[in-house]
Amino acid sequence: MKVLVACEYSGIVRDAFINAGHDALSCDFEPTERKGPHYEGDVRDVLYSQNWDLMVCHPPCTHLAVSGARWFKDKQIEQKEALEFVKMLMKVNINKIALENPISIISSRIRKPDQIIQPWQFGHGETKATCLWLKGLPKLLPTNVVSGREARVHKMAPSENRWKERSRTYTGIAQAMAEQWG
């Protein structure tokens, strides 16, 4: 299967699909953290370059996540552009699409998510509500429910790379995506 992992710099989801035997490409404006097939640039440059069977997309949540609601009044133009980008990703002519984002205004401005998952359902003892908007895909089934549910991501201290650390997909979730959607 040909898999496009849009807006992913880490390579975690891409590598999970490659390890499951699929042809996967990650794409982001940032360079990839792991060696592997990666397009550094705008996902729109590669959306129509191949016949993708599946797209897993992680659009930037900076102007969408409700965790930043206190700044929404000052971000109306950026928020509108971010929502247009999400709508474009959701409407791409790919039969199977998963769009991932935290609790955000996508739910109220576009549509409710099909599923909300937590890292602790996939082998990580942490909480981080993650919404999935699905097209042509089943909901993810938990693979390894664990205890010790810590809000590590929420408690991260401010830093230059905090946004990167907070946006990284958990490996257990990536493996479940590859196993269940691949």
N, C-alpha and C. Protein backbone atom coordinates (compact mmCIF):
# COMPACT_ATOMS: atom_id res chain seq x y z
N MET A 1 0.84 -1.17 0.00
CA MET A 1 0.00 0.00 0.00
C MET A 1 0.89 1.24 0.00
N LYS A 2 0.48 2.28 -0.72
CA LYS A 2 1.21 3.55 -0.76
C LYS A 2 0.59 4.49 0.27
N VAL A 3 1.42 4.89 1.23
CA VAL A 3 0.94 5.68 2.36
C VAL A 3 1.67 7.02 2.41
N LEU A 4 0.90 8.09 2.48
CA LEU A 4 1.45 9.43 2.66
C LEU A 4 1.17 9.86 4.10
N VAL A 5 2.23 10.22 4.81
CA VAL A 5 2.08 10.71 6.18
C VAL A 5 2.37 12.20 6.14
N ALA A 6 1.30 12.98 6.10
CA ALA A 6 1.40 14.42 5.90
C ALA A 6 1.65 15.15 7.22
N CYS A 7 2.51 16.13 7.15
CA CYS A 7 2.82 17.00 8.29
C CYS A 7 3.44 16.20 9.43
N GLU A 8 4.38 15.33 9.09
CA GLU A 8 5.10 14.55 10.10
C GLU A 8 6.60 14.70 9.88
N TYR A 9 7.29 15.28 10.85
CA TYR A 9 8.74 15.42 10.78
C TYR A 9 9.44 14.27 11.50
N SER A 10 8.75 13.63 12.45
CA SER A 10 9.41 12.64 13.30
C SER A 10 9.72 11.33 12.58
N GLY A 11 8.90 10.93 11.63
CA GLY A 11 9.08 9.66 10.93
C GLY A 11 8.50 8.48 11.68
N ILE A 12 7.86 8.71 12.81
CA ILE A 12 7.34 7.61 13.64
C ILE A 12 6.22 6.85 12.94
N VAL A 13 5.24 7.56 12.41
CA VAL A 13 4.12 6.90 11.72
C VAL A 13 4.61 6.31 10.40
N ARG A 14 5.42 7.07 9.67
CA ARG A 14 5.98 6.58 8.42
C ARG A 14 6.71 5.26 8.63
N ASP A 15 7.58 5.21 9.64
CA ASP A 15 8.37 4.01 9.89
C ASP A 15 7.50 2.83 10.33
N ALA A 16 6.43 3.10 11.07
CA ALA A 16 5.52 2.02 11.47
C ALA A 16 4.90 1.36 10.23
N PHE A 17 4.53 2.16 9.25
CA PHE A 17 3.97 1.60 8.02
C PHE A 17 5.04 0.89 7.19
N ILE A 18 6.23 1.44 7.13
CA ILE A 18 7.33 0.77 6.41
C ILE A 18 7.63 -0.57 7.07
N ASN A 19 7.70 -0.59 8.40
CA ASN A 19 7.98 -1.83 9.13
C ASN A 19 6.88 -2.87 8.94
N ALA A 20 5.69 -2.42 8.59
CA ALA A 20 4.57 -3.34 8.33
C ALA A 20 4.52 -3.75 6.85
N GLY A 21 5.53 -3.31 6.08
CA GLY A 21 5.63 -3.74 4.69
C GLY A 21 5.04 -2.82 3.65
N HIS A 22 4.74 -1.58 4.02
CA HIS A 22 4.13 -0.64 3.08
C HIS A 22 5.15 0.35 2.54
N ASP A 23 4.79 0.98 1.45
CA ASP A 23 5.58 2.03 0.82
C ASP A 23 5.09 3.34 1.40
N ALA A 24 5.84 3.95 2.30
CA ALA A 24 5.38 5.15 3.00
C ALA A 24 6.35 6.31 2.83
N LEU A 25 5.78 7.51 2.77
CA LEU A 25 6.54 8.76 2.65
C LEU A 25 6.00 9.73 3.68
N SER A 26 6.90 10.32 4.46
CA SER A 26 6.49 11.41 5.35
C SER A 26 6.77 12.73 4.63
N CYS A 27 6.08 13.76 5.08
CA CYS A 27 6.21 15.07 4.44
C CYS A 27 6.01 16.15 5.49
N ASP A 28 6.90 17.12 5.51
CA ASP A 28 6.78 18.23 6.46
C ASP A 28 7.74 19.34 6.02
N PHE A 29 7.49 20.54 6.48
CA PHE A 29 8.42 21.63 6.23
C PHE A 29 9.72 21.42 7.00
N GLU A 30 9.66 20.68 8.10
CA GLU A 30 10.83 20.36 8.91
C GLU A 30 11.55 19.15 8.33
N PRO A 31 12.86 19.06 8.50
CA PRO A 31 13.56 17.83 8.10
C PRO A 31 13.12 16.68 9.01
N THR A 32 13.22 15.48 8.51
CA THR A 32 12.84 14.32 9.31
C THR A 32 13.87 14.03 10.39
N GLU A 33 13.40 13.51 11.52
CA GLU A 33 14.30 13.15 12.62
C GLU A 33 14.93 11.78 12.41
N ARG A 34 14.28 10.95 11.60
CA ARG A 34 14.77 9.59 11.35
C ARG A 34 15.02 9.45 9.86
N LYS A 35 16.11 8.80 9.51
CA LYS A 35 16.39 8.57 8.09
C LYS A 35 15.27 7.74 7.50
N GLY A 36 14.88 8.10 6.29
CA GLY A 36 13.82 7.38 5.60
C GLY A 36 13.20 8.27 4.55
N PRO A 37 12.26 7.74 3.77
CA PRO A 37 11.63 8.51 2.72
C PRO A 37 10.88 9.72 3.30
N HIS A 38 11.32 10.91 2.93
CA HIS A 38 10.75 12.14 3.49
C HIS A 38 10.83 13.25 2.45
N TYR A 39 9.73 13.96 2.27
CA TYR A 39 9.73 15.15 1.42
C TYR A 39 9.73 16.36 2.33
N GLU A 40 10.76 17.19 2.24
CA GLU A 40 10.82 18.40 3.05
C GLU A 40 10.21 19.54 2.25
N GLY A 41 8.99 19.90 2.62
CA GLY A 41 8.27 20.95 1.91
C GLY A 41 6.78 20.83 2.15
N ASP A 42 6.02 21.51 1.32
CA ASP A 42 4.57 21.57 1.44
C ASP A 42 3.94 20.27 0.95
N VAL A 43 3.05 19.70 1.76
CA VAL A 43 2.38 18.45 1.39
C VAL A 43 1.63 18.58 0.06
N ARG A 44 1.18 19.77 -0.26
CA ARG A 44 0.46 19.97 -1.52
C ARG A 44 1.33 19.68 -2.74
N ASP A 45 2.65 19.71 -2.54
CA ASP A 45 3.57 19.39 -3.64
C ASP A 45 3.55 17.91 -3.99
N VAL A 46 3.20 17.05 -3.04
CA VAL A 46 3.24 15.59 -3.28
C VAL A 46 1.86 14.92 -3.23
N LEU A 47 0.83 15.66 -2.90
CA LEU A 47 -0.51 15.07 -2.79
C LEU A 47 -0.95 14.34 -4.06
N TYR A 48 -0.63 14.91 -5.20
CA TYR A 48 -1.10 14.34 -6.46
C TYR A 48 0.03 13.74 -7.29
N SER A 49 1.19 13.56 -6.66
CA SER A 49 2.34 13.00 -7.38
C SER A 49 2.25 11.49 -7.55
N GLN A 50 1.43 10.85 -6.73
CA GLN A 50 1.25 9.39 -6.78
C GLN A 50 -0.20 9.07 -6.47
N ASN A 51 -0.58 7.84 -6.72
CA ASN A 51 -1.91 7.37 -6.33
C ASN A 51 -1.81 6.80 -4.93
N TRP A 52 -2.03 7.63 -3.93
CA TRP A 52 -1.92 7.21 -2.54
C TRP A 52 -3.13 6.36 -2.17
N ASP A 53 -2.89 5.28 -1.42
CA ASP A 53 -3.97 4.44 -0.91
C ASP A 53 -4.48 4.94 0.43
N LEU A 54 -3.59 5.57 1.18
CA LEU A 54 -3.91 6.04 2.54
C LEU A 54 -3.11 7.29 2.83
N MET A 55 -3.76 8.24 3.48
CA MET A 55 -3.06 9.42 3.98
C MET A 55 -3.37 9.57 5.47
N VAL A 56 -2.33 9.63 6.27
CA VAL A 56 -2.45 9.94 7.69
C VAL A 56 -1.88 11.34 7.84
N CYS A 57 -2.71 12.28 8.27
CA CYS A 57 -2.22 13.66 8.33
C CYS A 57 -2.30 14.24 9.74
N HIS A 58 -1.32 15.04 10.03
CA HIS A 58 -1.15 15.66 11.34
C HIS A 58 -1.02 17.18 11.13
N PRO A 59 -2.08 17.86 10.70
CA PRO A 59 -1.93 19.30 10.44
C PRO A 59 -1.53 20.05 11.71
N PRO A 60 -0.72 21.08 11.56
CA PRO A 60 -0.26 21.83 12.73
C PRO A 60 -1.46 22.31 13.57
N CYS A 61 -1.34 22.13 14.88
CA CYS A 61 -2.44 22.47 15.77
C CYS A 61 -2.28 23.84 16.42
N THR A 62 -1.23 24.56 16.10
CA THR A 62 -0.91 25.83 16.74
C THR A 62 -2.10 26.79 16.81
N HIS A 63 -2.86 26.90 15.74
CA HIS A 63 -3.97 27.84 15.69
C HIS A 63 -5.32 27.15 15.85
N LEU A 64 -5.30 25.84 16.15
CA LEU A 64 -6.54 25.06 16.22
C LEU A 64 -6.83 24.50 17.61
N ALA A 65 -5.83 24.09 18.35
CA ALA A 65 -6.02 23.40 19.63
C ALA A 65 -6.67 24.30 20.67
N VAL A 66 -7.65 23.76 21.38
CA VAL A 66 -8.33 24.54 22.41
C VAL A 66 -7.41 24.87 23.59
N SER A 67 -6.30 24.18 23.70
CA SER A 67 -5.34 24.51 24.76
C SER A 67 -4.81 25.93 24.58
N GLY A 68 -4.90 26.48 23.38
CA GLY A 68 -4.47 27.85 23.12
C GLY A 68 -5.62 28.82 22.95
N ALA A 69 -6.79 28.49 23.48
CA ALA A 69 -7.99 29.30 23.27
C ALA A 69 -7.83 30.75 23.74
N ARG A 70 -7.01 30.96 24.75
CA ARG A 70 -6.86 32.34 25.25
C ARG A 70 -6.26 33.28 24.21
N TRP A 71 -5.63 32.72 23.16
CA TRP A 71 -5.04 33.56 22.11
C TRP A 71 -5.89 33.61 20.84
N PHE A 72 -7.03 32.92 20.82
CA PHE A 72 -7.84 32.84 19.60
C PHE A 72 -8.24 34.21 19.06
N LYS A 73 -8.56 35.15 19.93
CA LYS A 73 -9.03 36.47 19.46
C LYS A 73 -7.97 37.19 18.62
N ASP A 74 -6.70 36.87 18.85
CA ASP A 74 -5.60 37.50 18.12
C ASP A 74 -5.14 36.68 16.92
N LYS A 75 -5.79 35.53 16.67
CA LYS A 75 -5.33 34.61 15.63
C LYS A 75 -6.40 34.33 14.58
N GLN A 76 -7.33 35.20 14.38
CA GLN A 76 -8.46 34.88 13.51
C GLN A 76 -8.05 34.58 12.06
N ILE A 77 -7.11 35.31 11.52
CA ILE A 77 -6.66 35.06 10.14
C ILE A 77 -5.92 33.73 10.08
N GLU A 78 -4.98 33.50 11.01
CA GLU A 78 -4.24 32.25 11.04
C GLU A 78 -5.17 31.05 11.25
N GLN A 79 -6.16 31.24 12.10
CA GLN A 79 -7.12 30.17 12.38
C GLN A 79 -7.94 29.83 11.14
N LYS A 80 -8.36 30.85 10.43
CA LYS A 80 -9.14 30.63 9.19
C LYS A 80 -8.29 29.85 8.18
N GLU A 81 -7.02 30.24 8.02
CA GLU A 81 -6.13 29.55 7.09
C GLU A 81 -5.89 28.11 7.53
N ALA A 82 -5.72 27.89 8.83
CA ALA A 82 -5.50 26.53 9.35
C ALA A 82 -6.72 25.65 9.09
N LEU A 83 -7.91 26.20 9.28
CA LEU A 83 -9.15 25.44 9.02
C LEU A 83 -9.31 25.13 7.53
N GLU A 84 -8.93 26.06 6.68
CA GLU A 84 -8.99 25.81 5.23
C GLU A 84 -8.04 24.69 4.83
N PHE A 85 -6.87 24.66 5.45
CA PHE A 85 -5.90 23.60 5.19
C PHE A 85 -6.46 22.25 5.62
N VAL A 86 -7.08 22.20 6.80
CA VAL A 86 -7.69 20.96 7.28
C VAL A 86 -8.79 20.50 6.32
N LYS A 87 -9.65 21.43 5.89
CA LYS A 87 -10.73 21.08 4.95
C LYS A 87 -10.15 20.51 3.66
N MET A 88 -9.09 21.12 3.16
CA MET A 88 -8.44 20.65 1.94
C MET A 88 -7.94 19.22 2.13
N LEU A 89 -7.28 18.94 3.26
CA LEU A 89 -6.77 17.60 3.53
C LEU A 89 -7.91 16.58 3.60
N MET A 90 -9.00 16.96 4.23
CA MET A 90 -10.14 16.05 4.38
C MET A 90 -10.82 15.73 3.04
N LYS A 91 -10.72 16.65 2.10
CA LYS A 91 -11.41 16.48 0.82
C LYS A 91 -10.55 15.89 -0.29
N VAL A 92 -9.29 15.62 -0.01
CA VAL A 92 -8.39 15.06 -1.02
C VAL A 92 -8.97 13.75 -1.54
N ASN A 93 -8.75 13.49 -2.83
CA ASN A 93 -9.28 12.28 -3.45
C ASN A 93 -8.39 11.07 -3.14
N ILE A 94 -8.40 10.69 -1.88
CA ILE A 94 -7.72 9.48 -1.40
C ILE A 94 -8.80 8.72 -0.63
N ASN A 95 -8.93 7.44 -0.91
CA ASN A 95 -10.03 6.66 -0.33
C ASN A 95 -9.95 6.50 1.18
N LYS A 96 -8.75 6.46 1.73
CA LYS A 96 -8.59 6.27 3.16
C LYS A 96 -7.78 7.43 3.73
N ILE A 97 -8.42 8.15 4.64
CA ILE A 97 -7.75 9.31 5.26
C ILE A 97 -8.00 9.28 6.76
N ALA A 98 -6.93 9.53 7.52
CA ALA A 98 -7.03 9.76 8.96
C ALA A 98 -6.39 11.11 9.24
N LEU A 99 -7.14 12.00 9.83
CA LEU A 99 -6.61 13.30 10.22
C LEU A 99 -6.56 13.31 11.74
N GLU A 100 -5.39 13.63 12.28
CA GLU A 100 -5.15 13.57 13.72
C GLU A 100 -4.88 14.97 14.25
N ASN A 101 -5.48 15.29 15.38
CA ASN A 101 -5.26 16.58 16.03
C ASN A 101 -5.73 16.47 17.48
N PRO A 102 -5.21 17.33 18.36
CA PRO A 102 -5.74 17.32 19.73
C PRO A 102 -7.17 17.89 19.74
N ILE A 103 -7.76 17.98 20.91
CA ILE A 103 -9.07 18.61 21.04
C ILE A 103 -8.93 20.01 20.45
N SER A 104 -9.77 20.32 19.45
CA SER A 104 -9.56 21.57 18.72
C SER A 104 -10.88 22.11 18.16
N ILE A 105 -10.75 23.25 17.51
CA ILE A 105 -11.93 23.87 16.91
C ILE A 105 -12.37 23.17 15.63
N ILE A 106 -11.62 22.19 15.17
CA ILE A 106 -12.07 21.39 14.03
C ILE A 106 -13.43 20.78 14.37
N SER A 107 -13.61 20.38 15.62
CA SER A 107 -14.85 19.75 16.08
C SER A 107 -16.05 20.66 15.96
N SER A 108 -15.87 21.95 16.20
CA SER A 108 -17.00 22.88 16.15
C SER A 108 -17.11 23.60 14.81
N ARG A 109 -16.02 23.72 14.07
CA ARG A 109 -16.06 24.48 12.82
C ARG A 109 -16.20 23.60 11.57
N ILE A 110 -15.79 22.34 11.67
CA ILE A 110 -15.88 21.45 10.50
C ILE A 110 -16.81 20.28 10.84
N ARG A 111 -16.37 19.40 11.73
CA ARG A 111 -17.22 18.31 12.21
C ARG A 111 -16.57 17.64 13.41
N LYS A 112 -17.39 16.93 14.17
CA LYS A 112 -16.90 16.20 15.34
C LYS A 112 -15.95 15.09 14.87
N PRO A 113 -14.99 14.70 15.71
CA PRO A 113 -14.10 13.59 15.34
C PRO A 113 -14.86 12.27 15.37
N ASP A 114 -14.37 11.31 14.64
CA ASP A 114 -14.95 9.97 14.65
C ASP A 114 -14.53 9.21 15.90
N GLN A 115 -13.39 9.60 16.47
CA GLN A 115 -12.85 8.86 17.61
C GLN A 115 -11.90 9.76 18.39
N ILE A 116 -11.85 9.55 19.70
CA ILE A 116 -10.84 10.19 20.55
C ILE A 116 -10.09 9.06 21.25
N ILE A 117 -8.77 9.05 21.06
CA ILE A 117 -7.93 8.00 21.64
C ILE A 117 -6.99 8.60 22.67
N GLN A 118 -6.39 7.73 23.48
CA GLN A 118 -5.42 8.13 24.50
C GLN A 118 -4.18 7.24 24.38
N PRO A 119 -2.99 7.76 24.66
CA PRO A 119 -1.77 6.93 24.62
C PRO A 119 -1.86 5.70 25.51
N TRP A 120 -2.52 5.80 26.67
CA TRP A 120 -2.61 4.67 27.59
C TRP A 120 -3.38 3.48 27.01
N GLN A 121 -4.10 3.68 25.92
CA GLN A 121 -4.80 2.59 25.25
C GLN A 121 -3.86 1.80 24.33
N PHE A 122 -2.63 2.34 24.13
CA PHE A 122 -1.69 1.77 23.18
C PHE A 122 -0.30 1.56 23.79
N GLY A 123 -0.27 1.29 25.10
CA GLY A 123 0.98 0.92 25.75
C GLY A 123 1.79 2.03 26.39
N HIS A 124 1.27 3.25 26.43
CA HIS A 124 2.00 4.37 27.02
C HIS A 124 1.22 4.88 28.23
N GLY A 125 1.82 4.93 29.39
CA GLY A 125 1.13 5.33 30.61
C GLY A 125 0.93 6.82 30.73
N GLU A 126 0.33 7.41 29.72
CA GLU A 126 0.15 8.86 29.70
C GLU A 126 -1.22 9.22 29.16
N THR A 127 -1.64 10.45 29.46
CA THR A 127 -2.88 10.97 28.90
C THR A 127 -2.54 12.06 27.88
N LYS A 128 -3.25 12.05 26.79
CA LYS A 128 -3.15 13.09 25.77
C LYS A 128 -4.28 12.79 24.78
N ALA A 129 -5.43 13.41 25.02
CA ALA A 129 -6.58 13.16 24.15
C ALA A 129 -6.23 13.53 22.72
N THR A 130 -6.41 12.57 21.83
CA THR A 130 -6.09 12.76 20.42
C THR A 130 -7.31 12.40 19.59
N CYS A 131 -7.77 13.36 18.80
CA CYS A 131 -8.95 13.17 17.96
C CYS A 131 -8.55 12.61 16.60
N LEU A 132 -9.41 11.74 16.08
CA LEU A 132 -9.21 11.19 14.74
C LEU A 132 -10.46 11.44 13.91
N TRP A 133 -10.27 12.07 12.76
CA TRP A 133 -11.33 12.23 11.78
C TRP A 133 -11.01 11.22 10.67
N LEU A 134 -11.93 10.31 10.42
CA LEU A 134 -11.65 9.18 9.55
C LEU A 134 -12.50 9.18 8.29
N LYS A 135 -11.90 8.73 7.19
CA LYS A 135 -12.59 8.53 5.92
C LYS A 135 -12.17 7.16 5.40
N GLY A 136 -13.13 6.26 5.27
CA GLY A 136 -12.84 4.93 4.74
C GLY A 136 -12.01 4.04 5.64
N LEU A 137 -11.91 4.39 6.92
CA LEU A 137 -11.10 3.64 7.88
C LEU A 137 -11.93 3.31 9.12
N PRO A 138 -11.65 2.16 9.74
CA PRO A 138 -12.33 1.84 10.99
C PRO A 138 -11.68 2.59 12.15
N LYS A 139 -12.40 2.67 13.26
CA LYS A 139 -11.82 3.24 14.47
C LYS A 139 -10.68 2.34 14.93
N LEU A 140 -9.67 2.94 15.55
CA LEU A 140 -8.55 2.18 16.09
C LEU A 140 -9.01 1.43 17.34
N LEU A 141 -8.65 0.18 17.41
CA LEU A 141 -8.94 -0.63 18.60
C LEU A 141 -7.74 -0.56 19.53
N PRO A 142 -7.97 -0.37 20.84
CA PRO A 142 -6.86 -0.37 21.79
C PRO A 142 -6.05 -1.66 21.68
N THR A 143 -4.74 -1.54 21.81
CA THR A 143 -3.85 -2.69 21.66
C THR A 143 -3.19 -3.11 22.97
N ASN A 144 -3.04 -2.16 23.92
CA ASN A 144 -2.33 -2.47 25.16
C ASN A 144 -2.71 -1.41 26.20
N VAL A 145 -3.83 -1.63 26.89
CA VAL A 145 -4.29 -0.68 27.90
C VAL A 145 -3.40 -0.81 29.14
N VAL A 146 -2.83 0.32 29.55
CA VAL A 146 -1.93 0.33 30.70
C VAL A 146 -2.39 1.34 31.74
N SER A 147 -1.87 1.17 32.95
CA SER A 147 -2.18 2.12 34.03
C SER A 147 -1.05 3.15 34.11
N GLY A 148 -1.06 3.95 35.17
CA GLY A 148 -0.01 4.95 35.34
C GLY A 148 -0.24 6.13 34.44
N ARG A 149 -1.45 6.61 34.38
CA ARG A 149 -1.84 7.64 33.41
C ARG A 149 -1.40 9.04 33.86
N GLU A 150 -0.28 9.45 33.35
CA GLU A 150 0.36 10.72 33.69
C GLU A 150 0.15 11.72 32.55
N ALA A 151 -0.12 12.98 32.89
CA ALA A 151 -0.30 14.03 31.89
C ALA A 151 1.05 14.68 31.57
N ARG A 152 2.03 13.87 31.16
CA ARG A 152 3.40 14.33 30.92
C ARG A 152 3.46 15.45 29.89
N VAL A 153 2.76 15.28 28.78
CA VAL A 153 2.81 16.27 27.70
C VAL A 153 2.25 17.60 28.18
N HIS A 154 1.16 17.55 28.92
CA HIS A 154 0.52 18.77 29.43
C HIS A 154 1.44 19.51 30.41
N LYS A 155 2.24 18.75 31.15
CA LYS A 155 3.09 19.34 32.19
C LYS A 155 4.47 19.76 31.70
N MET A 156 4.75 19.62 30.41
CA MET A 156 6.08 19.97 29.90
C MET A 156 6.41 21.44 30.17
N ALA A 157 7.62 21.66 30.60
CA ALA A 157 8.07 23.02 30.84
C ALA A 157 8.25 23.76 29.51
N PRO A 158 8.05 25.07 29.52
CA PRO A 158 8.27 25.84 28.30
C PRO A 158 9.71 25.66 27.80
N SER A 159 9.84 25.55 26.48
CA SER A 159 11.16 25.45 25.86
C SER A 159 11.02 25.76 24.38
N GLU A 160 12.16 25.93 23.73
CA GLU A 160 12.17 26.24 22.31
C GLU A 160 11.56 25.11 21.48
N ASN A 161 11.77 23.87 21.89
CA ASN A 161 11.28 22.72 21.13
C ASN A 161 10.06 22.04 21.76
N ARG A 162 9.40 22.70 22.68
CA ARG A 162 8.23 22.12 23.34
C ARG A 162 7.17 21.69 22.32
N TRP A 163 6.95 22.51 21.31
CA TRP A 163 5.93 22.19 20.30
C TRP A 163 6.26 20.88 19.60
N LYS A 164 7.55 20.64 19.34
CA LYS A 164 7.96 19.39 18.69
C LYS A 164 7.70 18.19 19.59
N GLU A 165 8.07 18.33 20.84
CA GLU A 165 7.87 17.23 21.79
C GLU A 165 6.38 16.92 21.96
N ARG A 166 5.57 17.95 21.98
CA ARG A 166 4.13 17.76 22.18
C ARG A 166 3.44 17.18 20.95
N SER A 167 4.01 17.39 19.78
CA SER A 167 3.34 16.94 18.55
C SER A 167 3.76 15.54 18.10
N ARG A 168 4.77 14.98 18.73
CA ARG A 168 5.28 13.66 18.33
C ARG A 168 4.24 12.57 18.61
N THR A 169 4.01 11.68 17.63
CA THR A 169 3.07 10.57 17.79
C THR A 169 3.71 9.47 18.63
N TYR A 170 2.94 8.90 19.52
CA TYR A 170 3.41 7.78 20.33
C TYR A 170 3.59 6.55 19.44
N THR A 171 4.66 5.79 19.67
CA THR A 171 4.96 4.63 18.82
C THR A 171 3.86 3.58 18.87
N GLY A 172 3.24 3.39 20.03
CA GLY A 172 2.15 2.42 20.14
C GLY A 172 0.95 2.79 19.27
N ILE A 173 0.66 4.07 19.19
CA ILE A 173 -0.44 4.53 18.33
C ILE A 173 -0.05 4.34 16.86
N ALA A 174 1.19 4.69 16.52
CA ALA A 174 1.66 4.52 15.13
C ALA A 174 1.60 3.05 14.72
N GLN A 175 2.03 2.16 15.60
CA GLN A 175 1.99 0.72 15.29
C GLN A 175 0.56 0.24 15.11
N ALA A 176 -0.36 0.73 15.94
CA ALA A 176 -1.77 0.34 15.80
C ALA A 176 -2.32 0.83 14.46
N MET A 177 -1.95 2.04 14.06
CA MET A 177 -2.38 2.56 12.75
C MET A 177 -1.91 1.64 11.63
N ALA A 178 -0.62 1.30 11.67
CA ALA A 178 -0.04 0.47 10.61
C ALA A 178 -0.67 -0.92 10.58
N GLU A 179 -0.86 -1.51 11.75
CA GLU A 179 -1.43 -2.86 11.84
C GLU A 179 -2.90 -2.89 11.45
N GLN A 180 -3.66 -1.90 11.90
CA GLN A 180 -5.11 -1.94 11.70
C GLN A 180 -5.58 -1.27 10.42
N TRP A 181 -4.83 -0.30 9.93
CA TRP A 181 -5.23 0.39 8.70
C TRP A 181 -4.43 -0.07 7.48
N GLY A 182 -3.31 -0.74 7.74
CA GLY A 182 -2.47 -1.18 6.64
C GLY A 182 -2.93 -2.51 6.10
